[in-house]
Amino acid sequence: MSERVVLAYSGGLDTSVAIPYLAERTGGEVVAVAVDVGQGGEDLEAIRKRALACGAAEAVVVDAREEFAADFCVPALQANALYMDRYPLLSALSRPLIVKHLVAAAERFGGTAVAHGCTGKGNDQVRFEAGLSALNPDLKVIAPARDFAWTRDKAIEYAESRGLPIDVSSKSPYSIDQNLWGRAVETGFLEDIWNGPVEDVYDYTADPAVQRDPDEVVITFRAGVPVALDGRELTPFQLIDELNRRAGAQGVGRIDMVEDRLVGIKSREVYEAPAAIALITAHMELENVTVERDLARFKRGVDQRWGELVYDGLWFSPLKHALDAFIAESQKHVSGDIRMTLHGGRAVVTGRRSDSSLYSHSLATYDTGDTFDQSLARGFVELFSLPSKMSAARDRRTRD
């Protein structure tokens, strides 16, 4: 039986050229797999037909938008996942889902190898290959752009020489990856980190400096899962999709940062994540209301580590699975409503309510009705300060 290569297929120039190139290089057949994670653009059927026209033996298209929202975006939300406290894991979340469907296609069609279009300088090569190693370590990996020094110029020349049915003339000055959770832009003039981004960099968000009326939203959570917007029950996909439009129209979620890549270099990235930033802001505030202090303090460290693991491509790792269990336990009481004002590029919480709230007005108030017994505070402060007092006394004796 000849080798079958399962290719992560986007429908663009590079992966379309990869179909006949891989067939020639391996002497086998190529199965193209395109996964819709809410990136928009072309119809899935058009992408499937293009793959076949480029020489694919089989072409599979998967509408994974609901799956991506429920099984990848929601866990990231519950972990308040912000790599380096800013990046909401856009590309990093979609890669393990794509890997899952690549492995399924390999099992279905008898694939012996998997191919992706990642370069040797980025994080995605690790995310694809670490995921493949976890789900099916017997599959070989082929990365034409990395392993065969496949450049865009070579790809264009190859496509023209073979008359492949793809547009090779247009090229964005940027490298763009987008999905339901947000949009990532890099390269071009952005590689000079002194250059400020211009408006044509953005697509998911409107200019936050333009005057417009604010938009008020109420987001309902149940056990850490967003389930309704302004009282309307929605699936996670529907809710994220609508909030992308509404928060994006207010310029919410623009991020310009230099981040630490896994491969050791620093990279300048411009992100747009209107729904992600609004939802994480809302979720963190609801946790402030409903999660006990010590659990909340510990969870902040877990959240950071969870985000680092996913950024590094370790979605299927034992540690990440263990942290998933902790986070799930922490979300049992994270239910209620958060009211937010979306305006001027910001998502600002203005109201909170929850049947699971740990906030007590009678304990917090300084007005009539205060039930906090302040007479207990003196002894508490003395006992709390006792270790520091004893340590300071010892230090004075040592100095003397």
Protein backbone atom coordinates (compact mmCIF):
# COMPACT_ATOMS: atom_id res chain seq x y z
CA MET A 1 0.00 0.00 0.00
CA SER A 2 1.38 3.44 -0.93
CA GLU A 3 1.88 6.07 1.76
CA ARG A 4 -1.02 8.34 2.57
CA VAL A 5 -0.26 11.80 3.90
CA VAL A 6 -2.96 13.66 5.85
CA LEU A 7 -2.49 17.39 5.27
CA ALA A 8 -3.78 20.21 7.48
CA TYR A 9 -5.38 22.21 4.66
CA SER A 10 -6.41 25.88 4.71
CA GLY A 11 -7.32 26.36 1.05
CA GLY A 12 -4.63 28.96 0.51
CA LEU A 13 -1.55 28.98 -1.70
CA ASP A 14 0.91 27.20 0.56
CA THR A 15 -1.23 24.22 1.51
CA SER A 16 -2.76 23.91 -1.97
CA VAL A 17 0.73 23.67 -3.49
CA ALA A 18 1.63 21.17 -0.77
CA ILE A 19 -0.87 18.64 -2.16
CA PRO A 20 0.92 17.80 -5.44
CA TYR A 21 4.32 18.54 -3.91
CA LEU A 22 3.83 15.99 -1.12
CA ALA A 23 2.45 13.45 -3.57
CA GLU A 24 5.58 13.80 -5.71
CA ARG A 25 7.93 13.85 -2.75
CA THR A 26 6.48 10.80 -1.01
CA GLY A 27 5.14 8.88 -3.98
CA GLY A 28 1.86 8.54 -2.10
CA GLU A 29 -1.60 10.06 -1.87
CA VAL A 30 -2.64 13.17 0.00
CA VAL A 31 -5.79 13.51 2.12
CA ALA A 32 -6.63 17.18 2.73
CA VAL A 33 -8.38 18.08 5.99
CA ALA A 34 -9.85 21.57 6.44
CA VAL A 35 -11.29 22.50 9.83
CA ASP A 36 -13.63 25.47 10.35
CA VAL A 37 -12.88 27.01 13.74
CA GLY A 38 -14.79 30.19 13.00
CA GLN A 39 -12.14 31.83 10.84
CA GLY A 40 -14.67 32.98 8.25
CA GLY A 41 -13.72 33.35 4.62
CA GLU A 42 -14.55 30.81 1.95
CA ASP A 43 -17.31 28.26 1.96
CA LEU A 44 -16.14 24.85 3.15
CA GLU A 45 -17.42 23.13 0.02
CA ALA A 46 -15.37 25.48 -2.19
CA ILE A 47 -12.29 24.62 -0.14
CA ARG A 48 -13.01 20.89 -0.47
CA LYS A 49 -13.36 21.15 -4.25
CA ARG A 50 -10.12 23.11 -4.54
CA ALA A 51 -8.24 20.44 -2.63
CA LEU A 52 -9.51 17.78 -5.02
CA ALA A 53 -8.67 19.97 -8.03
CA CYS A 54 -5.11 20.31 -6.71
CA GLY A 55 -4.76 16.54 -6.68
CA ALA A 56 -5.94 15.35 -3.27
CA ALA A 57 -7.08 11.74 -3.20
CA GLU A 58 -9.62 12.65 -0.52
CA ALA A 59 -10.77 15.94 0.95
CA VAL A 60 -12.50 16.31 4.30
CA VAL A 61 -14.04 19.51 5.65
CA VAL A 62 -15.15 19.75 9.27
CA ASP A 63 -17.46 22.38 10.73
CA ALA A 64 -15.95 22.44 14.22
CA ARG A 65 -17.19 25.85 15.33
CA GLU A 66 -19.48 24.62 18.09
CA GLU A 67 -16.87 22.09 19.23
CA PHE A 68 -14.15 24.74 19.27
CA ALA A 69 -16.28 27.11 21.33
CA ALA A 70 -17.51 24.56 23.87
CA ASP A 71 -14.45 22.34 24.28
CA PHE A 72 -11.56 24.78 23.76
CA CYS A 73 -12.68 28.41 24.21
CA VAL A 74 -14.78 27.73 27.31
CA PRO A 75 -11.97 25.91 29.17
CA ALA A 76 -9.64 28.80 28.29
CA LEU A 77 -12.23 31.21 29.67
CA GLN A 78 -12.60 29.23 32.90
CA ALA A 79 -8.80 29.38 33.26
CA ASN A 80 -8.79 33.14 32.53
CA ALA A 81 -6.04 32.15 30.12
CA LEU A 82 -3.87 35.13 29.15
CA TYR A 83 -0.31 34.23 28.18
CA MET A 84 2.07 36.83 29.66
CA ASP A 85 -1.10 38.32 31.21
CA ARG A 86 -2.23 39.64 27.81
CA TYR A 87 -2.54 37.09 24.97
CA PRO A 88 -5.82 35.09 25.05
CA LEU A 89 -4.41 31.99 23.29
CA LEU A 90 -6.05 32.37 19.88
CA SER A 91 -3.96 30.13 17.61
CA ALA A 92 -2.83 27.99 20.52
CA LEU A 93 -6.43 26.91 21.18
CA SER A 94 -7.25 25.89 17.61
CA ARG A 95 -4.19 23.69 17.02
CA PRO A 96 -5.11 20.78 19.33
CA LEU A 97 -8.60 20.68 17.81
CA ILE A 98 -7.13 20.53 14.29
CA VAL A 99 -4.72 17.82 15.43
CA LYS A 100 -7.64 15.80 16.79
CA HIS A 101 -9.34 15.84 13.38
CA LEU A 102 -6.09 15.09 11.54
CA VAL A 103 -5.62 11.97 13.64
CA ALA A 104 -9.25 10.96 13.05
CA ALA A 105 -8.76 11.36 9.29
CA ALA A 106 -5.56 9.32 9.41
CA GLU A 107 -7.41 6.50 11.14
CA ARG A 108 -10.32 6.73 8.70
CA PHE A 109 -8.27 6.82 5.50
CA GLY A 110 -5.26 4.75 6.51
CA GLY A 111 -2.89 7.68 6.79
CA THR A 112 0.72 6.98 7.68
CA ALA A 113 1.96 10.56 7.91
CA VAL A 114 0.63 14.00 8.77
CA ALA A 115 1.78 17.24 7.12
CA HIS A 116 1.46 20.85 8.26
CA GLY A 117 2.58 24.18 6.84
CA CYS A 118 4.42 25.56 9.89
CA THR A 119 7.89 27.03 9.72
CA GLY A 120 10.77 26.27 12.07
CA LYS A 121 10.58 29.66 13.78
CA GLY A 122 7.07 29.50 15.20
CA ASN A 123 5.15 27.86 18.01
CA ASP A 124 2.65 26.04 15.83
CA GLN A 125 5.08 23.32 14.72
CA VAL A 126 5.37 22.32 18.38
CA ARG A 127 1.63 22.49 18.95
CA PHE A 128 0.91 20.24 15.98
CA GLU A 129 3.64 17.73 16.64
CA ALA A 130 3.30 17.53 20.42
CA GLY A 131 -0.42 16.91 19.93
CA LEU A 132 0.21 14.25 17.32
CA SER A 133 2.72 12.55 19.60
CA ALA A 134 0.11 12.39 22.34
CA LEU A 135 -2.77 11.13 20.17
CA ASN A 136 -0.95 8.89 17.68
CA PRO A 137 2.85 8.69 18.05
CA ASP A 138 3.08 6.22 15.14
CA LEU A 139 2.24 8.91 12.57
CA LYS A 140 5.21 10.45 10.77
CA VAL A 141 5.30 14.24 10.43
CA ILE A 142 6.21 16.19 7.29
CA ALA A 143 6.64 19.97 7.41
CA PRO A 144 7.50 21.19 3.89
CA ALA A 145 8.11 24.83 4.84
CA ARG A 146 10.51 23.75 7.57
CA ASP A 147 11.99 20.49 6.34
CA PHE A 148 12.37 21.31 2.63
CA ALA A 149 13.03 25.09 2.88
CA TRP A 150 9.80 25.73 0.98
CA THR A 151 9.42 29.50 0.46
CA ARG A 152 6.50 31.50 -0.88
CA ASP A 153 8.43 32.32 -4.07
CA LYS A 154 8.96 28.63 -4.69
CA ALA A 155 5.31 27.94 -3.98
CA ILE A 156 4.16 30.55 -6.52
CA GLU A 157 6.53 29.25 -9.17
CA TYR A 158 5.42 25.67 -8.50
CA ALA A 159 1.71 26.60 -8.70
CA GLU A 160 2.14 28.51 -11.97
CA SER A 161 4.18 25.75 -13.60
CA ARG A 162 1.45 23.21 -12.86
CA GLY A 163 -1.57 25.44 -13.46
CA LEU A 164 -3.03 24.88 -10.03
CA PRO A 165 -6.49 26.50 -9.53
CA ILE A 166 -5.43 29.03 -6.89
CA ASP A 167 -4.77 32.77 -6.78
CA VAL A 168 -1.03 33.40 -6.59
CA SER A 169 -1.07 37.13 -7.33
CA SER A 170 -2.47 38.68 -4.17
CA LYS A 171 -0.51 38.76 -0.95
CA SER A 172 -1.29 40.46 2.32
CA PRO A 173 1.66 42.34 3.81
CA TYR A 174 0.90 40.50 7.05
CA SER A 175 0.75 36.93 8.27
CA ILE A 176 -2.74 36.43 9.67
CA ASP A 177 -4.35 33.63 11.66
CA GLN A 178 -7.89 33.97 12.89
CA ASN A 179 -10.66 31.97 14.47
CA LEU A 180 -13.71 32.45 16.67
CA TRP A 181 -11.63 33.43 19.71
CA GLY A 182 -9.73 36.17 17.89
CA ARG A 183 -7.28 37.27 15.22
CA ALA A 184 -3.46 37.35 15.18
CA VAL A 185 -1.41 39.57 12.85
CA GLU A 186 2.37 39.63 12.42
CA THR A 187 5.26 40.24 9.95
CA GLY A 188 5.61 43.05 7.44
CA PHE A 189 6.28 46.50 8.86
CA LEU A 190 5.13 45.22 12.28
CA GLU A 191 8.49 43.46 12.63
CA ASP A 192 9.97 46.86 13.45
CA ILE A 193 8.72 47.11 17.01
CA TRP A 194 8.88 50.92 16.94
CA ASN A 195 6.25 51.06 14.17
CA GLY A 196 2.75 51.57 15.44
CA PRO A 197 -0.04 49.48 13.89
CA VAL A 198 -2.22 51.25 11.33
CA GLU A 199 -5.97 50.77 10.98
CA ASP A 200 -5.72 48.37 8.03
CA VAL A 201 -4.13 45.84 10.41
CA TYR A 202 -7.49 45.40 12.12
CA ASP A 203 -10.59 43.55 10.99
CA TYR A 204 -12.43 42.27 14.08
CA THR A 205 -12.46 45.65 15.82
CA ALA A 206 -13.51 49.20 14.96
CA ASP A 207 -11.34 52.19 15.83
CA PRO A 208 -11.93 52.75 19.57
CA ALA A 209 -11.13 56.47 19.22
CA VAL A 210 -14.22 57.11 17.06
CA GLN A 211 -17.12 58.56 19.03
CA ARG A 212 -20.11 56.24 19.35
CA ASP A 213 -22.78 55.35 21.90
CA PRO A 214 -21.76 52.73 24.50
CA ASP A 215 -23.23 49.23 24.45
CA GLU A 216 -24.39 47.61 27.69
CA VAL A 217 -24.53 43.81 27.92
CA VAL A 218 -25.43 41.30 30.62
CA ILE A 219 -23.58 37.98 30.47
CA THR A 220 -24.99 34.99 32.38
CA PHE A 221 -22.71 32.18 33.59
CA ARG A 222 -23.51 28.75 34.96
CA ALA A 223 -20.63 26.92 36.64
CA GLY A 224 -18.17 29.13 34.77
CA VAL A 225 -19.80 28.60 31.36
CA PRO A 226 -21.35 31.59 29.55
CA VAL A 227 -24.92 30.56 28.71
CA ALA A 228 -26.89 33.73 27.96
CA LEU A 229 -26.49 37.26 26.64
CA ASP A 230 -29.00 39.87 27.75
CA GLY A 231 -31.24 37.07 28.99
CA ARG A 232 -31.20 35.10 25.70
CA GLU A 233 -29.97 31.52 26.05
CA LEU A 234 -27.21 30.84 23.51
CA THR A 235 -24.68 28.13 22.80
CA PRO A 236 -21.07 29.09 23.54
CA PHE A 237 -20.45 29.51 19.81
CA GLN A 238 -23.47 31.77 19.33
CA LEU A 239 -22.61 33.85 22.38
CA ILE A 240 -18.95 34.32 21.44
CA ASP A 241 -19.90 35.11 17.85
CA GLU A 242 -22.40 37.81 18.87
CA LEU A 243 -20.08 39.27 21.49
CA ASN A 244 -17.30 39.45 18.91
CA ARG A 245 -19.52 41.72 16.83
CA ARG A 246 -20.77 43.88 19.70
CA ALA A 247 -17.49 44.26 21.56
CA GLY A 248 -15.60 44.55 18.27
CA ALA A 249 -17.85 47.43 17.21
CA GLN A 250 -16.64 49.27 20.32
CA GLY A 251 -12.95 48.55 19.62
CA VAL A 252 -12.60 46.14 22.55
CA GLY A 253 -9.78 43.60 22.52
CA ARG A 254 -6.88 45.22 20.65
CA ILE A 255 -3.51 44.01 21.92
CA ASP A 256 -0.04 45.00 20.65
CA MET A 257 2.74 43.09 22.40
CA VAL A 258 6.17 41.53 22.17
CA GLU A 259 5.88 37.97 23.43
CA ASP A 260 8.25 35.16 24.31
CA ARG A 261 7.92 32.36 21.80
CA LEU A 262 8.53 28.78 22.83
CA VAL A 263 11.44 28.47 20.39
CA GLY A 264 13.33 31.14 22.30
CA ILE A 265 12.85 34.29 20.23
CA LYS A 266 10.77 37.35 20.95
CA SER A 267 8.05 38.16 18.44
CA ARG A 268 5.89 41.25 17.92
CA GLU A 269 2.21 40.31 17.61
CA VAL A 270 -0.96 42.34 17.14
CA TYR A 271 -4.12 40.62 18.35
CA GLU A 272 -7.83 41.31 18.21
CA ALA A 273 -9.97 39.39 20.65
CA PRO A 274 -13.14 41.34 21.43
CA ALA A 275 -15.28 38.51 22.80
CA ALA A 276 -12.38 36.80 24.56
CA ILE A 277 -11.30 39.92 26.43
CA ALA A 278 -14.88 40.87 27.35
CA LEU A 279 -15.70 37.35 28.57
CA ILE A 280 -12.48 36.88 30.54
CA THR A 281 -13.03 40.26 32.20
CA ALA A 282 -16.59 39.27 33.12
CA HIS A 283 -15.61 35.80 34.30
CA MET A 284 -12.79 37.07 36.51
CA GLU A 285 -15.18 39.51 38.19
CA LEU A 286 -17.77 36.79 38.81
CA GLU A 287 -15.03 34.66 40.37
CA ASN A 288 -14.21 37.61 42.65
CA VAL A 289 -17.80 37.44 43.90
CA THR A 290 -18.22 33.67 44.20
CA VAL A 291 -14.83 31.99 44.82
CA GLU A 292 -13.42 31.72 48.36
CA ARG A 293 -10.25 33.75 49.01
CA ASP A 294 -7.62 30.99 49.36
CA LEU A 295 -9.03 29.02 46.43
CA ALA A 296 -8.99 32.20 44.33
CA ARG A 297 -5.40 32.97 45.28
CA PHE A 298 -4.22 29.48 44.40
CA LYS A 299 -6.22 29.41 41.18
CA ARG A 300 -4.42 32.47 39.85
CA GLY A 301 -1.19 30.45 39.77
CA VAL A 302 -3.00 27.49 38.19
CA ASP A 303 -4.49 29.78 35.53
CA GLN A 304 -1.07 31.10 34.60
CA ARG A 305 0.45 27.62 34.35
CA TRP A 306 -2.55 26.35 32.34
CA GLY A 307 -2.07 29.17 29.83
CA GLU A 308 1.64 28.46 29.53
CA LEU A 309 1.03 24.76 28.89
CA VAL A 310 -1.51 25.47 26.16
CA TYR A 311 0.69 28.15 24.58
CA ASP A 312 3.55 25.64 24.55
CA GLY A 313 1.43 23.02 22.74
CA LEU A 314 0.84 20.71 25.70
CA TRP A 315 -2.97 20.58 25.53
CA PHE A 316 -2.93 16.78 25.85
CA SER A 317 -0.28 16.61 28.60
CA PRO A 318 -0.87 14.93 32.00
CA LEU A 319 -0.29 18.18 33.89
CA LYS A 320 -2.80 20.08 31.78
CA HIS A 321 -5.40 17.33 32.34
CA ALA A 322 -4.77 17.50 36.10
CA LEU A 323 -5.14 21.29 36.10
CA ASP A 324 -8.39 20.88 34.14
CA ALA A 325 -9.80 18.88 37.04
CA PHE A 326 -8.80 21.55 39.56
CA ILE A 327 -10.30 24.34 37.45
CA ALA A 328 -13.53 22.39 36.96
CA GLU A 329 -13.87 22.01 40.74
CA SER A 330 -13.24 25.73 41.22
CA GLN A 331 -16.11 26.62 38.87
CA LYS A 332 -18.92 24.90 40.78
CA HIS A 333 -20.25 28.14 42.24
CA VAL A 334 -19.24 30.54 39.44
CA SER A 335 -22.82 31.26 38.41
CA GLY A 336 -24.60 34.56 38.02
CA ASP A 337 -24.84 37.71 35.92
CA ILE A 338 -22.24 40.32 35.02
CA ARG A 339 -23.28 43.65 33.52
CA MET A 340 -20.68 45.36 31.33
CA THR A 341 -20.36 48.58 29.38
CA LEU A 342 -18.54 48.21 26.06
CA HIS A 343 -17.14 51.54 24.95
CA GLY A 344 -13.96 53.24 23.79
CA GLY A 345 -12.00 50.02 23.47
CA ARG A 346 -12.81 48.86 27.00
CA ALA A 347 -15.10 46.31 28.59
CA VAL A 348 -15.96 47.67 32.04
CA VAL A 349 -17.91 45.71 34.65
CA THR A 350 -20.67 47.80 36.21
CA GLY A 351 -22.77 45.21 38.03
CA ARG A 352 -22.67 41.72 39.52
CA ARG A 353 -25.30 39.39 41.00
CA SER A 354 -25.20 35.74 42.00
CA ASP A 355 -27.15 33.32 44.17
CA SER A 356 -23.72 31.87 45.05
CA SER A 357 -22.25 35.22 46.06
CA LEU A 358 -19.89 35.36 49.04
CA TYR A 359 -20.34 39.12 49.25
CA SER A 360 -22.37 40.19 52.27
CA HIS A 361 -23.69 43.74 52.29
CA SER A 362 -24.24 43.66 56.04
CA LEU A 363 -20.61 42.72 56.63
CA ALA A 364 -19.17 45.09 54.05
CA THR A 365 -21.20 48.22 54.78
CA TYR A 366 -19.95 51.09 56.96
CA ASP A 367 -23.48 52.40 57.41
CA THR A 368 -26.37 51.42 59.67
CA GLY A 369 -26.94 47.69 59.59
CA ASP A 370 -23.24 46.80 59.86
CA THR A 371 -22.98 43.29 61.41
CA PHE A 372 -19.19 43.08 61.42
CA ASP A 373 -17.98 42.84 65.03
CA GLN A 374 -15.03 45.23 65.04
CA SER A 375 -14.19 44.35 68.66
CA LEU A 376 -12.75 41.06 67.34
CA ALA A 377 -10.33 42.81 65.00
CA ARG A 378 -7.77 43.87 67.64
CA GLY A 379 -7.04 40.30 68.73
CA PHE A 380 -7.03 39.07 65.15
CA VAL A 381 -4.47 41.69 64.11
CA GLU A 382 -2.25 40.89 67.11
CA LEU A 383 -2.25 37.14 66.39
CA PHE A 384 -1.80 37.66 62.66
CA SER A 385 1.18 39.94 63.29
CA LEU A 386 2.76 37.72 65.97
CA PRO A 387 5.19 35.81 63.67
CA SER A 388 6.52 39.07 62.20
CA LYS A 389 6.79 40.60 65.68
CA MET A 390 8.78 37.64 67.00
CA SER A 391 11.04 37.61 63.94
CA ALA A 392 11.76 41.33 64.27
CA ALA A 393 12.61 40.89 67.95
CA ARG A 394 15.05 38.08 67.11
CA ASP A 395 16.71 40.23 64.43
CA ARG A 396 17.19 43.05 66.94
CA ARG A 397 18.81 40.69 69.43
CA THR A 398 21.13 39.38 66.72
CA ARG A 399 22.19 42.91 65.75
CA ASP A 400 22.74 43.91 69.36
